[in-house]
Amino acid sequence: MVHGWYTTGLDLLGKGSPAAAAQVLQRAANAEPASRSVREALARAQFDTGQYSAAAENFRVIVEASPTDDYAHFGLGLSLARAGEHEAAAEYLALAAAMRPDRKHYTDALRQVRATLKFRRLDT
């Protein structure tokens, strides 16, 4: 049953229906709370629907369980940035970029968050 929800959720996410995907994937996450793949898919769906705090929480669970997961650090950083928590976002994005400096979108996101922080310091 969980596998069916997971695959349906991924399919919906791939077809551009993140709200529907989030509903299905939440069922899967409730049934299998320790599943990293389910949590990651749910976090992606939540991010795509603007549920940044919920996405951050799911990415945080993955980071705590797998501290070397660069994508989870990236997702957590992006989610925190969108939720307005730029200081915390910079930390996770820096970790993701340090783990995988070859990922341009990691370094671009970090640069953007640092620029936002710099601007806010100048603005005060």
PDB file of N, CA and C in Angstrom:
ATOM      1  N   MET A   1       0.821  -1.183   0.000  1.00  0.00           N
ATOM      2  CA  MET A   1       0.000   0.000   0.000  1.00  0.00           C
ATOM      3  C   MET A   1       0.874   1.259   0.000  1.00  0.00           C
ATOM      4  N   VAL A   2       1.895   1.323   0.866  1.00  0.00           N
ATOM      5  CA  VAL A   2       2.767   2.487   0.947  1.00  0.00           C
ATOM      6  C   VAL A   2       3.491   2.686  -0.377  1.00  0.00           C
ATOM      7  N   HIS A   3       3.960   1.605  -0.952  1.00  0.00           N
ATOM      8  CA  HIS A   3       4.660   1.707  -2.234  1.00  0.00           C
ATOM      9  C   HIS A   3       3.737   2.284  -3.311  1.00  0.00           C
ATOM     10  N   GLY A   4       2.496   1.881  -3.313  1.00  0.00           N
ATOM     11  CA  GLY A   4       1.530   2.405  -4.272  1.00  0.00           C
ATOM     12  C   GLY A   4       1.306   3.899  -4.094  1.00  0.00           C
ATOM     13  N   TRP A   5       1.178   4.346  -2.836  1.00  0.00           N
ATOM     14  CA  TRP A   5       1.027   5.781  -2.568  1.00  0.00           C
ATOM     15  C   TRP A   5       2.274   6.541  -3.020  1.00  0.00           C
ATOM     16  N   TYR A   6       3.426   5.954  -2.723  1.00  0.00           N
ATOM     17  CA  TYR A   6       4.696   6.589  -3.087  1.00  0.00           C
ATOM     18  C   TYR A   6       4.813   6.744  -4.601  1.00  0.00           C
ATOM     19  N   THR A   7       4.568   5.667  -5.341  1.00  0.00           N
ATOM     20  CA  THR A   7       4.693   5.755  -6.804  1.00  0.00           C
ATOM     21  C   THR A   7       3.636   6.676  -7.412  1.00  0.00           C
ATOM     22  N   THR A   8       2.436   6.647  -6.865  1.00  0.00           N
ATOM     23  CA  THR A   8       1.388   7.563  -7.337  1.00  0.00           C
ATOM     24  C   THR A   8       1.800   9.007  -7.054  1.00  0.00           C
ATOM     25  N   GLY A   9       2.319   9.252  -5.875  1.00  0.00           N
ATOM     26  CA  GLY A   9       2.774  10.593  -5.506  1.00  0.00           C
ATOM     27  C   GLY A   9       3.882  11.088  -6.414  1.00  0.00           C
ATOM     28  N   LEU A  10       4.854  10.225  -6.700  1.00  0.00           N
ATOM     29  CA  LEU A  10       5.935  10.609  -7.611  1.00  0.00           C
ATOM     30  C   LEU A  10       5.400  10.900  -9.006  1.00  0.00           C
ATOM     31  N   ASP A  11       4.456  10.088  -9.447  1.00  0.00           N
ATOM     32  CA  ASP A  11       3.856  10.295 -10.767  1.00  0.00           C
ATOM     33  C   ASP A  11       3.139  11.649 -10.818  1.00  0.00           C
ATOM     34  N   LEU A  12       2.368  11.951  -9.799  1.00  0.00           N
ATOM     35  CA  LEU A  12       1.667  13.229  -9.738  1.00  0.00           C
ATOM     36  C   LEU A  12       2.644  14.400  -9.688  1.00  0.00           C
ATOM     37  N   LEU A  13       3.701  14.233  -8.934  1.00  0.00           N
ATOM     38  CA  LEU A  13       4.724  15.272  -8.835  1.00  0.00           C
ATOM     39  C   LEU A  13       5.373  15.495 -10.199  1.00  0.00           C
ATOM     40  N   GLY A  14       5.679  14.407 -10.878  1.00  0.00           N
ATOM     41  CA  GLY A  14       6.286  14.487 -12.204  1.00  0.00           C
ATOM     42  C   GLY A  14       5.377  15.106 -13.247  1.00  0.00           C
ATOM     43  N   LYS A  15       4.081  14.975 -13.042  1.00  0.00           N
ATOM     44  CA  LYS A  15       3.112  15.530 -13.994  1.00  0.00           C
ATOM     45  C   LYS A  15       2.686  16.950 -13.638  1.00  0.00           C
ATOM     46  N   GLY A  16       3.329  17.539 -12.633  1.00  0.00           N
ATOM     47  CA  GLY A  16       3.030  18.916 -12.280  1.00  0.00           C
ATOM     48  C   GLY A  16       1.822  19.109 -11.393  1.00  0.00           C
ATOM     49  N   SER A  17       1.508  18.110 -10.577  1.00  0.00           N
ATOM     50  CA  SER A  17       0.390  18.218  -9.635  1.00  0.00           C
ATOM     51  C   SER A  17       0.905  18.046  -8.202  1.00  0.00           C
ATOM     52  N   PRO A  18       1.685  19.015  -7.723  1.00  0.00           N
ATOM     53  CA  PRO A  18       2.294  18.839  -6.400  1.00  0.00           C
ATOM     54  C   PRO A  18       1.295  18.810  -5.240  1.00  0.00           C
ATOM     55  N   ALA A  19       0.168  19.508  -5.366  1.00  0.00           N
ATOM     56  CA  ALA A  19      -0.812  19.494  -4.266  1.00  0.00           C
ATOM     57  C   ALA A  19      -1.408  18.106  -4.101  1.00  0.00           C
ATOM     58  N   ALA A  20      -1.777  17.476  -5.213  1.00  0.00           N
ATOM     59  CA  ALA A  20      -2.314  16.114  -5.153  1.00  0.00           C
ATOM     60  C   ALA A  20      -1.227  15.155  -4.674  1.00  0.00           C
ATOM     61  N   ALA A  21      -0.004  15.361  -5.163  1.00  0.00           N
ATOM     62  CA  ALA A  21       1.114  14.514  -4.753  1.00  0.00           C
ATOM     63  C   ALA A  21       1.337  14.617  -3.248  1.00  0.00           C
ATOM     64  N   ALA A  22       1.267  15.818  -2.712  1.00  0.00           N
ATOM     65  CA  ALA A  22       1.489  16.009  -1.274  1.00  0.00           C
ATOM     66  C   ALA A  22       0.460  15.256  -0.442  1.00  0.00           C
ATOM     67  N   GLN A  23      -0.785  15.248  -0.899  1.00  0.00           N
ATOM     68  CA  GLN A  23      -1.823  14.529  -0.154  1.00  0.00           C
ATOM     69  C   GLN A  23      -1.541  13.031  -0.121  1.00  0.00           C
ATOM     70  N   VAL A  24      -1.204  12.472  -1.269  1.00  0.00           N
ATOM     71  CA  VAL A  24      -0.933  11.034  -1.347  1.00  0.00           C
ATOM     72  C   VAL A  24       0.338  10.692  -0.576  1.00  0.00           C
ATOM     73  N   LEU A  25       1.372  11.501  -0.750  1.00  0.00           N
ATOM     74  CA  LEU A  25       2.643  11.228  -0.080  1.00  0.00           C
ATOM     75  C   LEU A  25       2.551  11.411   1.428  1.00  0.00           C
ATOM     76  N   GLN A  26       1.650  12.279   1.885  1.00  0.00           N
ATOM     77  CA  GLN A  26       1.459  12.428   3.332  1.00  0.00           C
ATOM     78  C   GLN A  26       0.905  11.135   3.922  1.00  0.00           C
ATOM     79  N   ARG A  27       0.011  10.468   3.196  1.00  0.00           N
ATOM     80  CA  ARG A  27      -0.499   9.164   3.651  1.00  0.00           C
ATOM     81  C   ARG A  27       0.643   8.163   3.780  1.00  0.00           C
ATOM     82  N   ALA A  28       1.503   8.160   2.757  1.00  0.00           N
ATOM     83  CA  ALA A  28       2.643   7.237   2.773  1.00  0.00           C
ATOM     84  C   ALA A  28       3.580   7.560   3.937  1.00  0.00           C
ATOM     85  N   ALA A  29       3.822   8.841   4.182  1.00  0.00           N
ATOM     86  CA  ALA A  29       4.699   9.245   5.280  1.00  0.00           C
ATOM     87  C   ALA A  29       4.099   8.896   6.637  1.00  0.00           C
ATOM     88  N   ASN A  30       2.785   9.019   6.757  1.00  0.00           N
ATOM     89  CA  ASN A  30       2.136   8.636   8.017  1.00  0.00           C
ATOM     90  C   ASN A  30       2.271   7.136   8.273  1.00  0.00           C
ATOM     91  N   ALA A  31       2.223   6.353   7.196  1.00  0.00           N
ATOM     92  CA  ALA A  31       2.338   4.895   7.326  1.00  0.00           C
ATOM     93  C   ALA A  31       3.782   4.439   7.501  1.00  0.00           C
ATOM     94  N   GLU A  32       4.728   5.167   6.880  1.00  0.00           N
ATOM     95  CA  GLU A  32       6.157   4.816   6.940  1.00  0.00           C
ATOM     96  C   GLU A  32       6.972   6.049   7.305  1.00  0.00           C
ATOM     97  N   PRO A  33       6.896   6.527   8.543  1.00  0.00           N
ATOM     98  CA  PRO A  33       7.572   7.777   8.900  1.00  0.00           C
ATOM     99  C   PRO A  33       9.095   7.732   8.788  1.00  0.00           C
ATOM    100  N   ALA A  34       9.679   6.557   8.793  1.00  0.00           N
ATOM    101  CA  ALA A  34      11.133   6.451   8.714  1.00  0.00           C
ATOM    102  C   ALA A  34      11.644   6.344   7.273  1.00  0.00           C
ATOM    103  N   SER A  35      10.752   6.331   6.304  1.00  0.00           N
ATOM    104  CA  SER A  35      11.173   6.183   4.906  1.00  0.00           C
ATOM    105  C   SER A  35      11.754   7.484   4.371  1.00  0.00           C
ATOM    106  N   ARG A  36      13.038   7.455   4.083  1.00  0.00           N
ATOM    107  CA  ARG A  36      13.733   8.621   3.557  1.00  0.00           C
ATOM    108  C   ARG A  36      13.176   9.028   2.199  1.00  0.00           C
ATOM    109  N   SER A  37      12.950   8.071   1.327  1.00  0.00           N
ATOM    110  CA  SER A  37      12.474   8.388  -0.024  1.00  0.00           C
ATOM    111  C   SER A  37      11.076   9.001  -0.005  1.00  0.00           C
ATOM    112  N   VAL A  38      10.215   8.497   0.874  1.00  0.00           N
ATOM    113  CA  VAL A  38       8.866   9.057   0.992  1.00  0.00           C
ATOM    114  C   VAL A  38       8.952  10.484   1.523  1.00  0.00           C
ATOM    115  N   ARG A  39       9.765  10.696   2.557  1.00  0.00           N
ATOM    116  CA  ARG A  39       9.902  12.040   3.128  1.00  0.00           C
ATOM    117  C   ARG A  39      10.459  13.031   2.112  1.00  0.00           C
ATOM    118  N   GLU A  40      11.440  12.588   1.331  1.00  0.00           N
ATOM    119  CA  GLU A  40      12.025  13.485   0.330  1.00  0.00           C
ATOM    120  C   GLU A  40      10.982  13.873  -0.718  1.00  0.00           C
ATOM    121  N   ALA A  41      10.239  12.899  -1.214  1.00  0.00           N
ATOM    122  CA  ALA A  41       9.200  13.188  -2.208  1.00  0.00           C
ATOM    123  C   ALA A  41       8.134  14.105  -1.617  1.00  0.00           C
ATOM    124  N   LEU A  42       7.746  13.856  -0.370  1.00  0.00           N
ATOM    125  CA  LEU A  42       6.758  14.700   0.292  1.00  0.00           C
ATOM    126  C   LEU A  42       7.299  16.121   0.451  1.00  0.00           C
ATOM    127  N   ALA A  43       8.534  16.244   0.862  1.00  0.00           N
ATOM    128  CA  ALA A  43       9.144  17.571   1.026  1.00  0.00           C
ATOM    129  C   ALA A  43       9.180  18.320  -0.300  1.00  0.00           C
ATOM    130  N   ARG A  44       9.507  17.629  -1.372  1.00  0.00           N
ATOM    131  CA  ARG A  44       9.518  18.268  -2.697  1.00  0.00           C
ATOM    132  C   ARG A  44       8.122  18.754  -3.074  1.00  0.00           C
ATOM    133  N   ALA A  45       7.116  17.927  -2.821  1.00  0.00           N
ATOM    134  CA  ALA A  45       5.734  18.315  -3.136  1.00  0.00           C
ATOM    135  C   ALA A  45       5.310  19.503  -2.270  1.00  0.00           C
ATOM    136  N   GLN A  46       5.661  19.474  -1.006  1.00  0.00           N
ATOM    137  CA  GLN A  46       5.317  20.583  -0.114  1.00  0.00           C
ATOM    138  C   GLN A  46       6.015  21.866  -0.561  1.00  0.00           C
ATOM    139  N   PHE A  47       7.263  21.761  -0.942  1.00  0.00           N
ATOM    140  CA  PHE A  47       7.997  22.929  -1.426  1.00  0.00           C
ATOM    141  C   PHE A  47       7.297  23.516  -2.653  1.00  0.00           C
ATOM    142  N   ASP A  48       6.932  22.643  -3.568  1.00  0.00           N
ATOM    143  CA  ASP A  48       6.301  23.098  -4.811  1.00  0.00           C
ATOM    144  C   ASP A  48       4.921  23.715  -4.598  1.00  0.00           C
ATOM    145  N   THR A  49       4.301  23.445  -3.463  1.00  0.00           N
ATOM    146  CA  THR A  49       2.995  24.046  -3.163  1.00  0.00           C
ATOM    147  C   THR A  49       3.121  25.218  -2.185  1.00  0.00           C
ATOM    148  N   GLY A  50       4.345  25.631  -1.898  1.00  0.00           N
ATOM    149  CA  GLY A  50       4.548  26.779  -1.024  1.00  0.00           C
ATOM    150  C   GLY A  50       4.468  26.484   0.458  1.00  0.00           C
ATOM    151  N   GLN A  51       4.476  25.210   0.824  1.00  0.00           N
ATOM    152  CA  GLN A  51       4.452  24.818   2.240  1.00  0.00           C
ATOM    153  C   GLN A  51       5.903  24.695   2.725  1.00  0.00           C
ATOM    154  N   TYR A  52       6.586  25.826   2.765  1.00  0.00           N
ATOM    155  CA  TYR A  52       8.030  25.821   3.005  1.00  0.00           C
ATOM    156  C   TYR A  52       8.420  25.324   4.392  1.00  0.00           C
ATOM    157  N   SER A  53       7.660  25.665   5.411  1.00  0.00           N
ATOM    158  CA  SER A  53       7.992  25.193   6.757  1.00  0.00           C
ATOM    159  C   SER A  53       7.818  23.682   6.865  1.00  0.00           C
ATOM    160  N   ALA A  54       6.752  23.163   6.275  1.00  0.00           N
ATOM    161  CA  ALA A  54       6.528  21.708   6.291  1.00  0.00           C
ATOM    162  C   ALA A  54       7.620  20.995   5.495  1.00  0.00           C
ATOM    163  N   ALA A  55       7.985  21.552   4.353  1.00  0.00           N
ATOM    164  CA  ALA A  55       9.060  20.962   3.545  1.00  0.00           C
ATOM    165  C   ALA A  55      10.365  20.971   4.331  1.00  0.00           C
ATOM    166  N   ALA A  56      10.651  22.093   4.995  1.00  0.00           N
ATOM    167  CA  ALA A  56      11.880  22.186   5.791  1.00  0.00           C
ATOM    168  C   ALA A  56      11.900  21.124   6.877  1.00  0.00           C
ATOM    169  N   GLU A  57      10.772  20.908   7.518  1.00  0.00           N
ATOM    170  CA  GLU A  57      10.727  19.903   8.581  1.00  0.00           C
ATOM    171  C   GLU A  57      11.023  18.505   8.041  1.00  0.00           C
ATOM    172  N   ASN A  58      10.477  18.166   6.894  1.00  0.00           N
ATOM    173  CA  ASN A  58      10.757  16.847   6.312  1.00  0.00           C
ATOM    174  C   ASN A  58      12.200  16.732   5.843  1.00  0.00           C
ATOM    175  N   PHE A  59      12.734  17.789   5.237  1.00  0.00           N
ATOM    176  CA  PHE A  59      14.150  17.748   4.852  1.00  0.00           C
ATOM    177  C   PHE A  59      15.034  17.663   6.090  1.00  0.00           C
ATOM    178  N   ARG A  60      14.644  18.332   7.183  1.00  0.00           N
ATOM    179  CA  ARG A  60      15.427  18.297   8.419  1.00  0.00           C
ATOM    180  C   ARG A  60      15.498  16.872   8.990  1.00  0.00           C
ATOM    181  N   VAL A  61      14.388  16.150   8.927  1.00  0.00           N
ATOM    182  CA  VAL A  61      14.380  14.757   9.401  1.00  0.00           C
ATOM    183  C   VAL A  61      15.390  13.930   8.602  1.00  0.00           C
ATOM    184  N   ILE A  62      15.444  14.153   7.296  1.00  0.00           N
ATOM    185  CA  ILE A  62      16.396  13.418   6.454  1.00  0.00           C
ATOM    186  C   ILE A  62      17.828  13.810   6.808  1.00  0.00           C
ATOM    187  N   VAL A  63      18.083  15.110   6.982  1.00  0.00           N
ATOM    188  CA  VAL A  63      19.424  15.582   7.336  1.00  0.00           C
ATOM    189  C   VAL A  63      19.881  14.981   8.657  1.00  0.00           C
ATOM    190  N   GLU A  64      18.973  14.934   9.634  1.00  0.00           N
ATOM    191  CA  GLU A  64      19.340  14.374  10.934  1.00  0.00           C
ATOM    192  C   GLU A  64      19.644  12.881  10.838  1.00  0.00           C
ATOM    193  N   ALA A  65      18.921  12.173   9.978  1.00  0.00           N
ATOM    194  CA  ALA A  65      19.154  10.733   9.814  1.00  0.00           C
ATOM    195  C   ALA A  65      20.344  10.437   8.901  1.00  0.00           C
ATOM    196  N   SER A  66      20.577  11.321   7.931  1.00  0.00           N
ATOM    197  CA  SER A  66      21.654  11.126   6.944  1.00  0.00           C
ATOM    198  C   SER A  66      22.418  12.438   6.761  1.00  0.00           C
ATOM    199  N   PRO A  67      23.317  12.767   7.688  1.00  0.00           N
ATOM    200  CA  PRO A  67      24.015  14.054   7.639  1.00  0.00           C
ATOM    201  C   PRO A  67      24.854  14.283   6.390  1.00  0.00           C
ATOM    202  N   THR A  68      25.148  13.241   5.631  1.00  0.00           N
ATOM    203  CA  THR A  68      25.949  13.411   4.415  1.00  0.00           C
ATOM    204  C   THR A  68      25.095  13.506   3.152  1.00  0.00           C
ATOM    205  N   ASP A  69      23.789  13.630   3.305  1.00  0.00           N
ATOM    206  CA  ASP A  69      22.884  13.724   2.156  1.00  0.00           C
ATOM    207  C   ASP A  69      22.871  15.172   1.654  1.00  0.00           C
ATOM    208  N   ASP A  70      23.638  15.431   0.616  1.00  0.00           N
ATOM    209  CA  ASP A  70      23.762  16.799   0.114  1.00  0.00           C
ATOM    210  C   ASP A  70      22.428  17.353  -0.378  1.00  0.00           C
ATOM    211  N   TYR A  71      21.617  16.526  -1.033  1.00  0.00           N
ATOM    212  CA  TYR A  71      20.343  17.013  -1.557  1.00  0.00           C
ATOM    213  C   TYR A  71      19.397  17.429  -0.421  1.00  0.00           C
ATOM    214  N   ALA A  72      19.412  16.689   0.677  1.00  0.00           N
ATOM    215  CA  ALA A  72      18.563  17.046   1.818  1.00  0.00           C
ATOM    216  C   ALA A  72      19.003  18.381   2.423  1.00  0.00           C
ATOM    217  N   HIS A  73      20.321  18.608   2.503  1.00  0.00           N
ATOM    218  CA  HIS A  73      20.821  19.898   2.980  1.00  0.00           C
ATOM    219  C   HIS A  73      20.380  21.014   2.030  1.00  0.00           C
ATOM    220  N   PHE A  74      20.476  20.764   0.743  1.00  0.00           N
ATOM    221  CA  PHE A  74      20.057  21.744  -0.261  1.00  0.00           C
ATOM    222  C   PHE A  74      18.560  22.042  -0.123  1.00  0.00           C
ATOM    223  N   GLY A  75      17.752  21.000  -0.053  1.00  0.00           N
ATOM    224  CA  GLY A  75      16.308  21.184   0.080  1.00  0.00           C
ATOM    225  C   GLY A  75      15.939  21.916   1.360  1.00  0.00           C
ATOM    226  N   LEU A  76      16.617  21.572   2.447  1.00  0.00           N
ATOM    227  CA  LEU A  76      16.368  22.248   3.721  1.00  0.00           C
ATOM    228  C   LEU A  76      16.749  23.721   3.609  1.00  0.00           C
ATOM    229  N   GLY A  77      17.907  23.984   3.015  1.00  0.00           N
ATOM    230  CA  GLY A  77      18.347  25.367   2.850  1.00  0.00           C
ATOM    231  C   GLY A  77      17.385  26.186   2.003  1.00  0.00           C
ATOM    232  N   LEU A  78      16.954  25.628   0.883  1.00  0.00           N
ATOM    233  CA  LEU A  78      16.009  26.349   0.021  1.00  0.00           C
ATOM    234  C   LEU A  78      14.683  26.590   0.731  1.00  0.00           C
ATOM    235  N   SER A  79      14.203  25.573   1.427  1.00  0.00           N
ATOM    236  CA  SER A  79      12.931  25.707   2.148  1.00  0.00           C
ATOM    237  C   SER A  79      13.015  26.779   3.216  1.00  0.00           C
ATOM    238  N   LEU A  80      14.112  26.794   3.950  1.00  0.00           N
ATOM    239  CA  LEU A  80      14.292  27.810   4.991  1.00  0.00           C
ATOM    240  C   LEU A  80      14.390  29.207   4.378  1.00  0.00           C
ATOM    241  N   ALA A  81      15.079  29.310   3.248  1.00  0.00           N
ATOM    242  CA  ALA A  81      15.189  30.612   2.576  1.00  0.00           C
ATOM    243  C   ALA A  81      13.816  31.115   2.157  1.00  0.00           C
ATOM    244  N   ARG A  82      13.015  30.248   1.581  1.00  0.00           N
ATOM    245  CA  ARG A  82      11.673  30.646   1.151  1.00  0.00           C
ATOM    246  C   ARG A  82      10.780  30.986   2.338  1.00  0.00           C
ATOM    247  N   ALA A  83      11.071  30.380   3.488  1.00  0.00           N
ATOM    248  CA  ALA A  83      10.301  30.669   4.706  1.00  0.00           C
ATOM    249  C   ALA A  83      10.826  31.932   5.402  1.00  0.00           C
ATOM    250  N   GLY A  84      11.868  32.547   4.829  1.00  0.00           N
ATOM    251  CA  GLY A  84      12.411  33.782   5.384  1.00  0.00           C
ATOM    252  C   GLY A  84      13.487  33.595   6.430  1.00  0.00           C
ATOM    253  N   GLU A  85      13.951  32.370   6.608  1.00  0.00           N
ATOM    254  CA  GLU A  85      14.983  32.078   7.609  1.00  0.00           C
ATOM    255  C   GLU A  85      16.346  32.005   6.915  1.00  0.00           C
ATOM    256  N   HIS A  86      16.830  33.153   6.466  1.00  0.00           N
ATOM    257  CA  HIS A  86      18.022  33.203   5.618  1.00  0.00           C
ATOM    258  C   HIS A  86      19.319  32.810   6.325  1.00  0.00           C
ATOM    259  N   GLU A  87      19.453  33.159   7.595  1.00  0.00           N
ATOM    260  CA  GLU A  87      20.669  32.779   8.341  1.00  0.00           C
ATOM    261  C   GLU A  87      20.812  31.265   8.388  1.00  0.00           C
ATOM    262  N   ALA A  88      19.751  30.587   8.777  1.00  0.00           N
ATOM    263  CA  ALA A  88      19.783  29.123   8.847  1.00  0.00           C
ATOM    264  C   ALA A  88      19.927  28.526   7.456  1.00  0.00           C
ATOM    265  N   ALA A  89      19.260  29.124   6.481  1.00  0.00           N
ATOM    266  CA  ALA A  89      19.334  28.634   5.106  1.00  0.00           C
ATOM    267  C   ALA A  89      20.766  28.651   4.603  1.00  0.00           C
ATOM    268  N   ALA A  90      21.490  29.726   4.907  1.00  0.00           N
ATOM    269  CA  ALA A  90      22.877  29.849   4.441  1.00  0.00           C
ATOM    270  C   ALA A  90      23.746  28.713   4.978  1.00  0.00           C
ATOM    271  N   GLU A  91      23.507  28.317   6.212  1.00  0.00           N
ATOM    272  CA  GLU A  91      24.297  27.227   6.801  1.00  0.00           C
ATOM    273  C   GLU A  91      24.099  25.922   6.032  1.00  0.00           C
ATOM    274  N   TYR A  92      22.848  25.567   5.773  1.00  0.00           N
ATOM    275  CA  TYR A  92      22.575  24.302   5.084  1.00  0.00           C
ATOM    276  C   TYR A  92      22.992  24.347   3.623  1.00  0.00           C
ATOM    277  N   LEU A  93      22.805  25.485   2.985  1.00  0.00           N
ATOM    278  CA  LEU A  93      23.238  25.604   1.585  1.00  0.00           C
ATOM    279  C   LEU A  93      24.762  25.553   1.486  1.00  0.00           C
ATOM    280  N   ALA A  94      25.447  26.139   2.466  1.00  0.00           N
ATOM    281  CA  ALA A  94      26.912  26.079   2.475  1.00  0.00           C
ATOM    282  C   ALA A  94      27.391  24.637   2.630  1.00  0.00           C
ATOM    283  N   LEU A  95      26.711  23.880   3.481  1.00  0.00           N
ATOM    284  CA  LEU A  95      27.076  22.467   3.644  1.00  0.00           C
ATOM    285  C   LEU A  95      26.845  21.690   2.349  1.00  0.00           C
ATOM    286  N   ALA A  96      25.701  21.924   1.716  1.00  0.00           N
ATOM    287  CA  ALA A  96      25.402  21.239   0.455  1.00  0.00           C
ATOM    288  C   ALA A  96      26.441  21.591  -0.603  1.00  0.00           C
ATOM    289  N   ALA A  97      26.775  22.875  -0.702  1.00  0.00           N
ATOM    290  CA  ALA A  97      27.762  23.322  -1.698  1.00  0.00           C
ATOM    291  C   ALA A  97      29.152  22.767  -1.384  1.00  0.00           C
ATOM    292  N   ALA A  98      29.488  22.646  -0.111  1.00  0.00           N
ATOM    293  CA  ALA A  98      30.786  22.079   0.266  1.00  0.00           C
ATOM    294  C   ALA A  98      30.853  20.590  -0.075  1.00  0.00           C
ATOM    295  N   MET A  99      29.738  19.901   0.102  1.00  0.00           N
ATOM    296  CA  MET A  99      29.703  18.471  -0.211  1.00  0.00           C
ATOM    297  C   MET A  99      29.764  18.217  -1.709  1.00  0.00           C
ATOM    298  N   ARG A 100      29.096  19.094  -2.460  1.00  0.00           N
ATOM    299  CA  ARG A 100      29.017  18.901  -3.916  1.00  0.00           C
ATOM    300  C   ARG A 100      29.271  20.225  -4.639  1.00  0.00           C
ATOM    301  N   PRO A 101      30.511  20.705  -4.646  1.00  0.00           N
ATOM    302  CA  PRO A 101      30.803  21.987  -5.292  1.00  0.00           C
ATOM    303  C   PRO A 101      30.547  21.974  -6.807  1.00  0.00           C
ATOM    304  N   ASP A 102      30.405  20.794  -7.372  1.00  0.00           N
ATOM    305  CA  ASP A 102      30.127  20.663  -8.806  1.00  0.00           C
ATOM    306  C   ASP A 102      28.667  20.960  -9.153  1.00  0.00           C
ATOM    307  N   ARG A 103      27.820  21.061  -8.155  1.00  0.00           N
ATOM    308  CA  ARG A 103      26.395  21.338  -8.391  1.00  0.00           C
ATOM    309  C   ARG A 103      26.182  22.852  -8.411  1.00  0.00           C
ATOM    310  N   LYS A 104      26.094  23.411  -9.602  1.00  0.00           N
ATOM    311  CA  LYS A 104      25.972  24.859  -9.763  1.00  0.00           C
ATOM    312  C   LYS A 104      24.735  25.413  -9.068  1.00  0.00           C
ATOM    313  N   HIS A 105      23.637  24.688  -9.109  1.00  0.00           N
ATOM    314  CA  HIS A 105      22.432  25.203  -8.450  1.00  0.00           C
ATOM    315  C   HIS A 105      22.599  25.291  -6.930  1.00  0.00           C
ATOM    316  N   TYR A 106      23.479  24.479  -6.355  1.00  0.00           N
ATOM    317  CA  TYR A 106      23.759  24.589  -4.927  1.00  0.00           C
ATOM    318  C   TYR A 106      24.498  25.909  -4.654  1.00  0.00           C
ATOM    319  N   THR A 107      25.567  26.133  -5.416  1.00  0.00           N
ATOM    320  CA  THR A 107      26.369  27.343  -5.196  1.00  0.00           C
ATOM    321  C   THR A 107      25.589  28.600  -5.578  1.00  0.00           C
ATOM    322  N   ASP A 108      24.751  28.524  -6.596  1.00  0.00           N
ATOM    323  CA  ASP A 108      23.923  29.679  -6.971  1.00  0.00           C
ATOM    324  C   ASP A 108      22.942  30.034  -5.858  1.00  0.00           C
ATOM    325  N   ALA A 109      22.310  29.033  -5.276  1.00  0.00           N
ATOM    326  CA  ALA A 109      21.354  29.274  -4.189  1.00  0.00           C
ATOM    327  C   ALA A 109      22.064  29.870  -2.980  1.00  0.00           C
ATOM    328  N   LEU A 110      23.245  29.359  -2.667  1.00  0.00           N
ATOM    329  CA  LEU A 110      24.020  29.890  -1.550  1.00  0.00           C
ATOM    330  C   LEU A 110      24.391  31.346  -1.810  1.00  0.00           C
ATOM    331  N   ARG A 111      24.846  31.633  -3.003  1.00  0.00           N
ATOM    332  CA  ARG A 111      25.216  33.004  -3.362  1.00  0.00           C
ATOM    333  C   ARG A 111      24.015  33.948  -3.215  1.00  0.00           C
ATOM    334  N   GLN A 112      22.867  33.497  -3.647  1.00  0.00           N
ATOM    335  CA  GLN A 112      21.660  34.327  -3.564  1.00  0.00           C
ATOM    336  C   GLN A 112      21.272  34.606  -2.109  1.00  0.00           C
ATOM    337  N   VAL A 113      21.311  33.584  -1.274  1.00  0.00           N
ATOM    338  CA  VAL A 113      20.956  33.764   0.139  1.00  0.00           C
ATOM    339  C   VAL A 113      21.964  34.681   0.830  1.00  0.00           C
ATOM    340  N   ARG A 114      23.244  34.510   0.517  1.00  0.00           N
ATOM    341  CA  ARG A 114      24.259  35.391   1.121  1.00  0.00           C
ATOM    342  C   ARG A 114      24.078  36.838   0.662  1.00  0.00           C
ATOM    343  N   ALA A 115      23.695  37.019  -0.596  1.00  0.00           N
ATOM    344  CA  ALA A 115      23.437  38.372  -1.099  1.00  0.00           C
ATOM    345  C   ALA A 115      22.244  38.999  -0.379  1.00  0.00           C
ATOM    346  N   THR A 116      21.225  38.199  -0.132  1.00  0.00           N
ATOM    347  CA  THR A 116      20.055  38.693   0.605  1.00  0.00           C
ATOM    348  C   THR A 116      20.451  39.104   2.015  1.00  0.00           C
ATOM    349  N   LEU A 117      21.256  38.284   2.666  1.00  0.00           N
ATOM    350  CA  LEU A 117      21.715  38.604   4.021  1.00  0.00           C
ATOM    351  C   LEU A 117      22.556  39.880   4.023  1.00  0.00           C
ATOM    352  N   LYS A 118      23.438  40.021   3.060  1.00  0.00           N
ATOM    353  CA  LYS A 118      24.289  41.207   2.962  1.00  0.00           C
ATOM    354  C   LYS A 118      23.434  42.459   2.743  1.00  0.00           C
ATOM    355  N   PHE A 119      22.468  42.365   1.860  1.00  0.00           N
ATOM    356  CA  PHE A 119      21.580  43.496   1.595  1.00  0.00           C
ATOM    357  C   PHE A 119      20.817  43.894   2.853  1.00  0.00           C
ATOM    358  N   ARG A 120      20.331  42.906   3.586  1.00  0.00           N
ATOM    359  CA  ARG A 120      19.557  43.191   4.797  1.00  0.00           C
ATOM    360  C   ARG A 120      20.430  43.852   5.859  1.00  0.00           C
ATOM    361  N   ARG A 121      21.698  43.454   5.927  1.00  0.00           N
ATOM    362  CA  ARG A 121      22.610  44.094   6.895  1.00  0.00           C
ATOM    363  C   ARG A 121      22.871  45.543   6.496  1.00  0.00           C
ATOM    364  N   LEU A 122      23.011  45.809   5.210  1.00  0.00           N
ATOM    365  CA  LEU A 122      23.242  47.167   4.725  1.00  0.00           C
ATOM    366  C   LEU A 122      22.019  48.046   4.909  1.00  0.00           C
ATOM    367  N   ASP A 123      20.858  47.417   4.843  1.00  0.00           N
ATOM    368  CA  ASP A 123      19.595  48.143   4.901  1.00  0.00           C
ATOM    369  C   ASP A 123      19.240  48.586   6.328  1.00  0.00           C
ATOM    370  N   THR A 124      19.900  48.008   7.313  1.00  0.00           N
ATOM    371  CA  THR A 124      19.540  48.338   8.703  1.00  0.00           C
ATOM    372  C   THR A 124      20.323  49.518   9.222  1.00  0.00           C
TER     373      THR A 124
END
